[in-house]
Amino acid sequence: MHRTQQRKPSGSVHNVISGSRKRTFNVTHTRNNSHNRASIPHRDARPVIVSITTSTKRGYPINTPYQTYALQYLETRLGYPIPSVFPFEKSPPLKGWTGRNGAIPDWEQVNMWMEDYPDSNILMRLMPDVIGIDVDHYDNKTGYDTLVSIENVHGVLPWTAISSARPHPSGIYWFKLQSYMETDKMRDPGEYIEVIRYEHRYAVAPPSWHPTARARYEWHDSMPNAGDLANLPIEWYVHLTQACDCFKQQRAQRKMMMTAMMHRAVGEAGMEQARNDLEQAAKVLTEAAVGNRNNMLSSLAGRFLLYDCVINEVLSITEVMDSLMDAALGAGLEKREANRTIESALDWAAREGETR
């Protein structure tokens, strides 16, 4: 349904009115007459229309997205609104408030941020029972084709809230999780699709500014509450946790690789074994089918960096990263995407190594 229908953006978020020199955004927000830091606008407070002007000379909006919408987002139960460090930028978020070990902001903290970071973008660390399936389908990215191929196997996703700064079908598709669904076990399902979850990543929320697309993020409908989101189908949960037959071969290869790494010899013998395994893994990655390349790169990089670099200490981090980067580029992945995946795997390996 979401493939054929593109709903008209609602005026409750903002409508764009083009002009010769400037653009005006009509944004609905909640009137709050109190200036107390801990004050919270009432759910039934009267809506107010505010005109927001942007300069087309530099393209940056001259308004206050975080100050205007942060408390409303906190009320939606979609996630925790974290401000970007720099105005109108997608990254970085304030340190210490995102990721698995990030702190949880309360109402008072968000009110303080509204005063200190009024013109920051809204970076949503999602609630544990909410995920976003982020589909990139623009330029040479074909995330929607990947999504359709998964739907052909696991069923069409139900209509749900979608946010994006780019034309449909690019966007974040928001879903509610059942109580038994664990986000920690989820992985990216395929090429140019990422899963945004409580422990990993964040969603840039409307009406934040996208500096690359030079456009505002919009809801395809009005701003939802968590209860308005469609439930993630069980078939898709199985796929996102890689428990389906789609990843049967990868699971077998992972099991063999893990066994070899856990019984790695020490010294020169272990180094030779590890290099042979790394060479074989790079070859498999180079020949990986479209749709599996990024997931395979993430898995291989994480395992080799953790076991053979951090734990066994038989390979250098540079050797592993360079080998897998060459293989990823040979498989057709973009350098920027491959580098981001490997860097993420390195961060994971460093964290896991501290607990081993």
Protein backbone atom coordinates (compact mmCIF):
# COMPACT_ATOMS: atom_id res chain seq x y z
CA MET A 1 0.00 0.00 0.00
CA HIS A 2 2.81 2.36 0.85
CA ARG A 3 4.32 1.82 -2.58
CA THR A 4 1.39 3.22 -4.49
CA GLN A 5 0.08 5.83 -2.10
CA GLN A 6 1.92 8.99 -1.18
CA ARG A 7 -0.10 11.04 1.22
CA LYS A 8 -0.06 14.81 1.04
CA PRO A 9 2.07 16.31 3.83
CA SER A 10 -0.19 17.64 6.54
CA GLY A 11 -0.26 21.30 7.53
CA SER A 12 0.08 20.21 11.15
CA VAL A 13 3.78 19.80 10.53
CA HIS A 14 4.55 22.34 7.81
CA ASN A 15 3.67 23.34 4.31
CA VAL A 16 6.22 24.84 1.98
CA ILE A 17 5.27 28.00 0.10
CA SER A 18 7.74 28.93 -2.59
CA GLY A 19 8.78 32.51 -3.21
CA SER A 20 11.24 34.39 -5.37
CA ARG A 21 13.80 35.00 -2.63
CA LYS A 22 12.54 33.27 0.47
CA ARG A 23 10.50 30.32 1.57
CA THR A 24 7.95 30.38 4.35
CA PHE A 25 7.08 27.40 6.53
CA ASN A 26 3.82 27.41 8.46
CA VAL A 27 4.46 25.31 11.52
CA THR A 28 1.96 24.31 14.16
CA HIS A 29 3.27 24.09 17.70
CA THR A 30 1.80 24.22 21.17
CA ARG A 31 1.40 27.49 23.02
CA ASN A 32 3.10 27.46 26.38
CA ASN A 33 2.76 30.64 28.39
CA SER A 34 5.06 29.55 31.20
CA HIS A 35 8.79 30.22 31.08
CA ASN A 36 9.64 27.73 33.80
CA ARG A 37 12.30 25.24 32.67
CA ALA A 38 10.33 22.28 33.97
CA SER A 39 7.07 23.38 32.40
CA ILE A 40 5.31 20.94 30.10
CA PRO A 41 2.70 22.05 27.53
CA HIS A 42 -0.68 20.46 28.14
CA ARG A 43 -1.74 17.82 25.61
CA ASP A 44 -4.87 19.85 24.78
CA ALA A 45 -3.15 23.23 24.57
CA ARG A 46 -4.31 25.52 21.77
CA PRO A 47 -2.30 25.22 18.51
CA VAL A 48 -0.55 28.32 17.23
CA ILE A 49 0.58 28.98 13.64
CA VAL A 50 4.04 30.50 13.38
CA SER A 51 5.60 31.78 10.15
CA ILE A 52 9.18 30.64 9.70
CA THR A 53 11.41 32.24 7.11
CA THR A 54 14.53 30.78 5.53
CA SER A 55 17.18 32.51 3.51
CA THR A 56 17.82 30.96 0.11
CA LYS A 57 21.27 32.58 -0.02
CA ARG A 58 22.85 29.95 2.22
CA GLY A 59 19.97 27.53 2.41
CA TYR A 60 19.89 27.25 6.20
CA PRO A 61 16.56 27.69 7.97
CA ILE A 62 16.46 30.53 10.48
CA ASN A 63 14.20 28.94 13.07
CA THR A 64 14.28 26.83 16.20
CA PRO A 65 13.23 23.22 15.47
CA TYR A 66 14.46 21.77 18.74
CA GLN A 67 13.01 24.48 20.94
CA THR A 68 9.66 24.32 19.15
CA TYR A 69 9.12 20.57 18.97
CA ALA A 70 11.27 18.72 21.51
CA LEU A 71 8.62 18.45 24.23
CA GLN A 72 5.98 17.39 21.73
CA TYR A 73 8.21 14.58 20.54
CA LEU A 74 8.81 13.47 24.12
CA GLU A 75 5.03 13.23 24.53
CA THR A 76 4.65 11.06 21.43
CA ARG A 77 6.66 8.23 23.02
CA LEU A 78 8.47 7.72 19.71
CA GLY A 79 11.81 8.37 21.35
CA TYR A 80 14.00 10.77 23.27
CA PRO A 81 14.78 14.05 21.44
CA ILE A 82 18.52 14.76 21.57
CA PRO A 83 19.83 18.05 20.11
CA SER A 84 22.53 18.13 17.47
CA VAL A 85 25.74 19.81 18.63
CA PHE A 86 25.66 22.23 15.71
CA PRO A 87 22.60 24.09 14.37
CA PHE A 88 20.72 22.38 11.54
CA GLU A 89 23.22 19.48 11.26
CA LYS A 90 22.47 15.74 11.28
CA SER A 91 25.49 14.93 13.42
CA PRO A 92 26.96 14.70 15.91
CA PRO A 93 24.41 14.42 18.72
CA LEU A 94 25.32 15.52 22.22
CA LYS A 95 27.77 12.97 23.59
CA GLY A 96 26.57 10.41 26.10
CA TRP A 97 22.87 10.43 25.19
CA THR A 98 22.67 7.88 22.35
CA GLY A 99 23.67 4.26 21.85
CA ARG A 100 23.42 1.23 24.08
CA ASN A 101 24.88 2.93 27.14
CA GLY A 102 23.46 6.40 26.57
CA ALA A 103 21.74 8.25 29.40
CA ILE A 104 17.97 8.86 29.32
CA PRO A 105 16.92 12.54 29.32
CA ASP A 106 13.94 13.59 31.45
CA TRP A 107 11.54 16.48 30.93
CA GLU A 108 13.72 18.93 32.85
CA GLN A 109 16.78 18.01 30.80
CA VAL A 110 14.89 18.52 27.54
CA ASN A 111 13.65 21.91 28.76
CA MET A 112 17.23 22.94 29.50
CA TRP A 113 18.32 21.81 26.03
CA MET A 114 15.53 23.87 24.51
CA GLU A 115 17.13 26.98 25.99
CA ASP A 116 20.73 25.98 25.22
CA TYR A 117 20.22 24.45 21.73
CA PRO A 118 17.09 26.11 20.28
CA ASP A 119 18.21 25.89 16.64
CA SER A 120 19.55 22.34 16.79
CA ASN A 121 18.09 19.51 14.76
CA ILE A 122 15.97 16.93 16.58
CA LEU A 123 17.85 13.60 16.79
CA MET A 124 15.50 10.93 18.09
CA ARG A 125 16.91 8.06 20.10
CA LEU A 126 14.03 5.67 19.61
CA MET A 127 12.10 4.00 22.40
CA PRO A 128 12.87 0.29 23.00
CA ASP A 129 9.53 -0.67 21.43
CA VAL A 130 9.91 1.49 18.29
CA ILE A 131 12.13 1.00 15.24
CA GLY A 132 12.69 2.87 12.01
CA ILE A 133 13.43 1.11 8.73
CA ASP A 134 15.49 3.73 6.89
CA VAL A 135 15.27 3.30 3.11
CA ASP A 136 17.68 5.23 0.86
CA HIS A 137 16.36 5.41 -2.71
CA TYR A 138 17.95 8.32 -4.56
CA ASP A 139 20.85 8.90 -6.94
CA ASN A 140 22.42 5.45 -7.36
CA LYS A 141 20.98 4.05 -4.13
CA THR A 142 18.27 1.42 -4.59
CA GLY A 143 17.01 0.73 -1.08
CA TYR A 144 13.39 0.54 -2.15
CA ASP A 145 14.20 -2.20 -4.64
CA THR A 146 15.77 -4.11 -1.75
CA LEU A 147 12.67 -3.54 0.37
CA VAL A 148 10.38 -4.84 -2.38
CA SER A 149 12.53 -7.95 -2.81
CA ILE A 150 12.19 -8.66 0.92
CA GLU A 151 8.44 -8.06 0.76
CA ASN A 152 8.18 -10.64 -2.03
CA VAL A 153 9.44 -13.22 0.47
CA HIS A 154 8.14 -12.01 3.83
CA GLY A 155 5.03 -10.02 2.95
CA VAL A 156 4.20 -6.38 2.27
CA LEU A 157 4.78 -3.99 5.14
CA PRO A 158 1.60 -2.33 6.44
CA TRP A 159 1.00 1.37 5.93
CA THR A 160 2.66 3.34 8.72
CA ALA A 161 4.14 6.74 9.52
CA ILE A 162 6.94 7.83 7.19
CA SER A 163 9.35 10.73 7.61
CA SER A 164 11.86 11.97 5.07
CA ALA A 165 13.68 14.96 3.62
CA ARG A 166 13.75 13.32 0.19
CA PRO A 167 10.97 12.29 -2.22
CA HIS A 168 9.06 9.05 -1.75
CA PRO A 169 9.96 6.16 -1.52
CA SER A 170 13.05 7.28 0.44
CA GLY A 171 12.32 7.70 4.11
CA ILE A 172 12.17 6.23 7.58
CA TYR A 173 9.28 3.78 7.95
CA TRP A 174 8.30 3.77 11.64
CA PHE A 175 6.98 0.62 13.36
CA LYS A 176 5.79 -0.45 16.80
CA LEU A 177 7.20 -3.67 18.28
CA GLN A 178 5.44 -6.42 20.18
CA SER A 179 6.70 -7.11 23.72
CA TYR A 180 8.64 -10.22 22.68
CA MET A 181 10.57 -8.47 19.90
CA GLU A 182 14.16 -7.67 20.87
CA THR A 183 15.86 -4.84 19.02
CA ASP A 184 19.31 -5.93 20.16
CA LYS A 185 19.13 -8.90 17.79
CA MET A 186 18.14 -6.88 14.73
CA ARG A 187 20.49 -6.23 11.83
CA ASP A 188 20.24 -4.24 8.60
CA PRO A 189 18.11 -6.29 6.17
CA GLY A 190 19.87 -5.46 2.91
CA GLU A 191 21.48 -2.94 0.60
CA TYR A 192 20.75 0.74 1.35
CA ILE A 193 18.38 -0.10 4.22
CA GLU A 194 19.30 0.52 7.84
CA VAL A 195 17.43 -0.33 11.04
CA ILE A 196 17.27 2.52 13.55
CA ARG A 197 16.75 1.13 17.04
CA TYR A 198 17.14 2.01 20.71
CA GLU A 199 20.71 0.72 20.97
CA HIS A 200 21.97 1.87 17.60
CA ARG A 201 21.61 5.00 15.47
CA TYR A 202 19.04 7.80 15.77
CA ALA A 203 16.36 9.29 13.55
CA VAL A 204 16.49 12.93 12.44
CA ALA A 205 12.93 14.09 13.03
CA PRO A 206 10.79 16.72 11.25
CA PRO A 207 11.03 19.64 10.85
CA SER A 208 14.81 19.33 11.15
CA TRP A 209 17.00 20.43 8.27
CA HIS A 210 18.85 18.05 5.93
CA PRO A 211 22.03 19.91 4.90
CA THR A 212 22.81 17.60 1.96
CA ALA A 213 19.32 17.34 0.52
CA ARG A 214 18.82 21.06 1.37
CA ALA A 215 15.30 20.35 2.51
CA ARG A 216 13.30 19.88 5.67
CA TYR A 217 12.32 16.51 7.04
CA GLU A 218 8.57 16.03 6.76
CA TRP A 219 5.98 13.57 7.97
CA HIS A 220 4.01 12.12 5.08
CA ASP A 221 1.05 12.59 7.40
CA SER A 222 0.76 14.44 10.71
CA MET A 223 3.20 13.82 13.56
CA PRO A 224 2.22 10.44 15.05
CA ASN A 225 2.23 9.05 18.55
CA ALA A 226 3.82 5.65 19.17
CA GLY A 227 0.34 4.17 19.40
CA ASP A 228 -0.42 5.32 15.84
CA LEU A 229 2.38 3.24 14.31
CA ALA A 230 1.71 -0.04 12.53
CA ASN A 231 2.96 -3.17 14.26
CA LEU A 232 6.02 -4.75 12.71
CA PRO A 233 4.87 -8.08 11.17
CA ILE A 234 6.36 -11.19 12.76
CA GLU A 235 7.71 -12.31 9.38
CA TRP A 236 9.74 -9.12 9.15
CA TYR A 237 10.99 -9.48 12.72
CA VAL A 238 12.29 -12.93 11.84
CA HIS A 239 14.07 -11.47 8.82
CA LEU A 240 15.55 -8.51 10.72
CA THR A 241 16.97 -10.89 13.34
CA GLN A 242 18.38 -13.05 10.51
CA ALA A 243 16.54 -16.12 11.79
CA CYS A 244 14.98 -16.93 8.40
CA ASP A 245 16.32 -19.07 5.55
CA CYS A 246 17.53 -15.92 3.74
CA PHE A 247 20.60 -16.00 5.99
CA LYS A 248 21.03 -19.77 6.24
CA GLN A 249 24.30 -19.82 4.30
CA GLN A 250 25.65 -16.83 6.21
CA ARG A 251 24.84 -18.50 9.54
CA ALA A 252 26.71 -21.64 8.49
CA GLN A 253 29.73 -19.62 7.35
CA ARG A 254 29.65 -17.57 10.56
CA LYS A 255 29.58 -20.73 12.67
CA MET A 256 32.60 -22.19 10.88
CA MET A 257 34.49 -18.92 11.16
CA MET A 258 33.70 -18.54 14.86
CA THR A 259 34.89 -22.10 15.56
CA ALA A 260 38.18 -21.43 13.80
CA MET A 261 38.73 -18.14 15.62
CA MET A 262 37.95 -19.55 19.06
CA HIS A 263 40.50 -22.32 18.52
CA ARG A 264 43.14 -20.18 16.88
CA ALA A 265 46.75 -21.20 17.49
CA VAL A 266 49.11 -18.70 19.05
CA GLY A 267 52.17 -17.06 17.56
CA GLU A 268 53.23 -17.47 13.92
CA ALA A 269 50.95 -20.46 13.37
CA GLY A 270 47.90 -18.50 14.52
CA MET A 271 48.87 -15.53 12.35
CA GLU A 272 49.14 -17.76 9.29
CA GLN A 273 45.75 -19.35 9.99
CA ALA A 274 44.13 -15.96 10.51
CA ARG A 275 45.57 -14.53 7.29
CA ASN A 276 44.37 -17.54 5.30
CA ASP A 277 40.89 -17.17 6.79
CA LEU A 278 40.90 -13.42 6.13
CA GLU A 279 41.91 -14.00 2.51
CA GLN A 280 39.10 -16.54 2.07
CA ALA A 281 36.59 -14.24 3.76
CA ALA A 282 37.59 -11.36 1.47
CA LYS A 283 37.06 -13.58 -1.57
CA VAL A 284 33.58 -14.60 -0.36
CA LEU A 285 32.72 -10.93 0.24
CA THR A 286 33.88 -9.93 -3.25
CA GLU A 287 31.51 -12.50 -4.76
CA ALA A 288 28.56 -11.67 -2.46
CA ALA A 289 25.20 -11.04 -4.07
CA VAL A 290 23.67 -7.58 -4.12
CA GLY A 291 21.55 -7.25 -1.01
CA ASN A 292 23.92 -9.22 1.22
CA ARG A 293 27.18 -7.33 0.76
CA ASN A 294 26.90 -4.77 3.56
CA ASN A 295 25.59 -7.26 6.12
CA MET A 296 28.39 -9.68 5.25
CA LEU A 297 30.98 -6.92 5.52
CA SER A 298 29.66 -5.92 8.95
CA SER A 299 29.71 -9.50 10.20
CA LEU A 300 33.19 -10.32 8.88
CA ALA A 301 34.74 -7.07 10.07
CA GLY A 302 33.27 -7.43 13.55
CA ARG A 303 34.45 -11.02 14.00
CA PHE A 304 37.97 -10.59 12.65
CA LEU A 305 38.52 -7.34 14.56
CA LEU A 306 37.21 -8.79 17.81
CA TYR A 307 38.81 -12.23 17.79
CA ASP A 308 41.95 -11.95 15.69
CA CYS A 309 42.86 -8.35 16.59
CA VAL A 310 41.56 -7.70 20.10
CA ILE A 311 41.44 -11.16 21.69
CA ASN A 312 43.90 -13.41 19.82
CA GLU A 313 46.19 -10.52 18.80
CA VAL A 314 47.43 -12.32 15.68
CA LEU A 315 46.40 -9.68 13.12
CA SER A 316 46.68 -5.90 13.10
CA ILE A 317 43.58 -3.73 12.88
CA THR A 318 44.99 -2.01 9.79
CA GLU A 319 45.53 -5.33 7.99
CA VAL A 320 41.96 -6.48 8.61
CA MET A 321 40.38 -3.15 7.70
CA ASP A 322 42.42 -2.74 4.52
CA SER A 323 41.72 -6.28 3.33
CA LEU A 324 37.99 -6.05 3.90
CA MET A 325 37.81 -2.55 2.42
CA ASP A 326 39.43 -3.78 -0.81
CA ALA A 327 36.98 -6.70 -0.91
CA ALA A 328 34.00 -4.43 -0.26
CA LEU A 329 34.98 -2.10 -3.09
CA GLY A 330 35.50 -5.11 -5.33
CA ALA A 331 31.99 -6.25 -4.46
CA GLY A 332 30.61 -2.91 -5.63
CA LEU A 333 29.95 -1.14 -2.32
CA GLU A 334 30.57 2.59 -2.14
CA LYS A 335 33.73 3.57 -0.28
CA ARG A 336 31.88 5.84 2.12
CA GLU A 337 29.33 3.19 3.01
CA ALA A 338 31.97 0.47 3.40
CA ASN A 339 34.13 2.70 5.58
CA ARG A 340 31.18 3.53 7.82
CA THR A 341 30.33 -0.16 8.20
CA ILE A 342 33.91 -1.12 9.08
CA GLU A 343 34.28 1.77 11.54
CA SER A 344 31.05 0.68 13.23
CA ALA A 345 32.38 -2.89 13.45
CA LEU A 346 35.60 -1.59 15.00
CA ASP A 347 33.66 0.32 17.65
CA TRP A 348 31.66 -2.83 18.42
CA ALA A 349 34.81 -4.98 18.65
CA ALA A 350 36.43 -2.49 21.04
CA ARG A 351 33.38 -2.50 23.33
CA GLU A 352 33.03 -6.28 23.24
CA GLY A 353 36.75 -6.74 23.87
CA GLU A 354 36.48 -4.89 27.16
CA THR A 355 34.02 -7.50 28.45
CA ARG A 356 35.97 -10.59 27.35
